């Protein structure tokens, strides 16, 4: 989990848990800590899962996701 007083930014959303898991894995392999907030309603199965990184990693994080066809 990410700790400290860093500011975080949303860089990716998906309705597919496997896509979020893949994105987190790719980011962490590159040394970019990431975490998700699942806003999916479990009763109706709608909503999105949001992926966050520290603001200092926004550009690198987005580039990694673009290079891997996730963005």
C-alpha atoms as a PDB file:
ATOM      1  CA  UNK A   1       0.000   0.000   0.000  1.00  0.00           C
ATOM      2  CA  UNK A   2       1.080   3.563  -0.584  1.00  0.00           C
ATOM      3  CA  UNK A   3       1.934   5.664   2.438  1.00  0.00           C
ATOM      4  CA  UNK A   4       3.177   9.142   3.249  1.00  0.00           C
ATOM      5  CA  UNK A   5       1.903  12.622   2.544  1.00  0.00           C
ATOM      6  CA  UNK A   6       1.970  12.415  -1.267  1.00  0.00           C
ATOM      7  CA  UNK A   7      -0.840  13.744  -3.402  1.00  0.00           C
ATOM      8  CA  UNK A   8      -2.468  11.163  -5.616  1.00  0.00           C
ATOM      9  CA  UNK A   9      -4.063  11.404  -9.031  1.00  0.00           C
ATOM     10  CA  UNK A  10      -6.501   9.250 -10.950  1.00  0.00           C
ATOM     11  CA  UNK A  11      -4.798   7.983 -14.119  1.00  0.00           C
ATOM     12  CA  UNK A  12      -7.032   5.141 -15.295  1.00  0.00           C
ATOM     13  CA  UNK A  13     -10.523   3.740 -14.877  1.00  0.00           C
ATOM     14  CA  UNK A  14     -12.039   0.471 -16.012  1.00  0.00           C
ATOM     15  CA  UNK A  15     -15.034  -1.729 -15.375  1.00  0.00           C
ATOM     16  CA  UNK A  16     -12.800  -4.800 -15.743  1.00  0.00           C
ATOM     17  CA  UNK A  17     -10.949  -5.970 -12.620  1.00  0.00           C
ATOM     18  CA  UNK A  18      -8.365  -7.892 -14.669  1.00  0.00           C
ATOM     19  CA  UNK A  19      -7.394  -4.726 -16.582  1.00  0.00           C
ATOM     20  CA  UNK A  20      -6.866  -2.862 -13.319  1.00  0.00           C
ATOM     21  CA  UNK A  21      -4.801  -5.737 -11.916  1.00  0.00           C
ATOM     22  CA  UNK A  22      -2.657  -5.775 -15.068  1.00  0.00           C
ATOM     23  CA  UNK A  23      -2.181  -2.003 -14.912  1.00  0.00           C
ATOM     24  CA  UNK A  24      -1.140  -2.128 -11.251  1.00  0.00           C
ATOM     25  CA  UNK A  25       1.296  -4.942 -11.992  1.00  0.00           C
ATOM     26  CA  UNK A  26       2.871  -3.057 -14.909  1.00  0.00           C
ATOM     27  CA  UNK A  27       3.249   0.111 -12.864  1.00  0.00           C
ATOM     28  CA  UNK A  28       4.731  -1.656  -9.847  1.00  0.00           C
ATOM     29  CA  UNK A  29       7.220  -3.515 -12.091  1.00  0.00           C
ATOM     30  CA  UNK A  30       8.473  -0.056 -13.094  1.00  0.00           C
ATOM     31  CA  UNK A  31       8.715   1.104  -9.477  1.00  0.00           C
ATOM     32  CA  UNK A  32       5.518   3.151  -9.470  1.00  0.00           C
ATOM     33  CA  UNK A  33       3.307   2.364  -6.480  1.00  0.00           C
ATOM     34  CA  UNK A  34      -0.368   2.275  -7.441  1.00  0.00           C
ATOM     35  CA  UNK A  35      -3.642   1.553  -5.720  1.00  0.00           C
ATOM     36  CA  UNK A  36      -7.252   1.098  -6.748  1.00  0.00           C
ATOM     37  CA  UNK A  37     -10.580   2.269  -5.440  1.00  0.00           C
ATOM     38  CA  UNK A  38     -13.407  -0.008  -6.467  1.00  0.00           C
ATOM     39  CA  UNK A  39     -16.573   1.999  -7.026  1.00  0.00           C
ATOM     40  CA  UNK A  40     -18.478  -0.912  -8.507  1.00  0.00           C
ATOM     41  CA  UNK A  41     -21.882  -1.519  -6.959  1.00  0.00           C
ATOM     42  CA  UNK A  42     -21.839  -5.173  -5.958  1.00  0.00           C
ATOM     43  CA  UNK A  43     -25.621  -5.516  -6.124  1.00  0.00           C
ATOM     44  CA  UNK A  44     -26.041  -4.267  -9.665  1.00  0.00           C
ATOM     45  CA  UNK A  45     -22.533  -4.828 -11.081  1.00  0.00           C
ATOM     46  CA  UNK A  46     -22.058  -1.351 -12.498  1.00  0.00           C
ATOM     47  CA  UNK A  47     -19.560   1.388 -11.828  1.00  0.00           C
ATOM     48  CA  UNK A  48     -15.853   1.735 -12.321  1.00  0.00           C
ATOM     49  CA  UNK A  49     -12.614   0.830 -10.630  1.00  0.00           C
ATOM     50  CA  UNK A  50     -10.224   3.767 -10.338  1.00  0.00           C
ATOM     51  CA  UNK A  51      -6.432   3.525 -10.426  1.00  0.00           C
ATOM     52  CA  UNK A  52      -4.312   6.118  -8.622  1.00  0.00           C
ATOM     53  CA  UNK A  53      -0.611   6.962  -8.477  1.00  0.00           C
ATOM     54  CA  UNK A  54       1.364   9.698  -6.710  1.00  0.00           C
ATOM     55  CA  UNK A  55       1.220  12.947  -8.682  1.00  0.00           C
ATOM     56  CA  UNK A  56       4.971  12.794  -9.310  1.00  0.00           C
ATOM     57  CA  UNK A  57       4.373   9.565 -11.282  1.00  0.00           C
ATOM     58  CA  UNK A  58       1.452  10.728 -13.456  1.00  0.00           C
ATOM     59  CA  UNK A  59       3.395  11.161 -16.693  1.00  0.00           C
ATOM     60  CA  UNK A  60       5.474   7.990 -16.381  1.00  0.00           C
ATOM     61  CA  UNK A  61       2.447   5.999 -15.263  1.00  0.00           C
ATOM     62  CA  UNK A  62       0.330   7.110 -18.206  1.00  0.00           C
ATOM     63  CA  UNK A  63       3.191   6.390 -20.623  1.00  0.00           C
ATOM     64  CA  UNK A  64       3.536   2.847 -19.290  1.00  0.00           C
ATOM     65  CA  UNK A  65      -0.195   2.249 -19.679  1.00  0.00           C
ATOM     66  CA  UNK A  66      -0.159   3.693 -23.217  1.00  0.00           C
ATOM     67  CA  UNK A  67       2.819   1.536 -24.218  1.00  0.00           C
ATOM     68  CA  UNK A  68       0.890  -1.523 -23.041  1.00  0.00           C
ATOM     69  CA  UNK A  69      -2.355  -0.564 -24.828  1.00  0.00           C
ATOM     70  CA  UNK A  70      -4.294   0.089 -21.645  1.00  0.00           C
ATOM     71  CA  UNK A  71      -4.845   3.809 -22.276  1.00  0.00           C
END
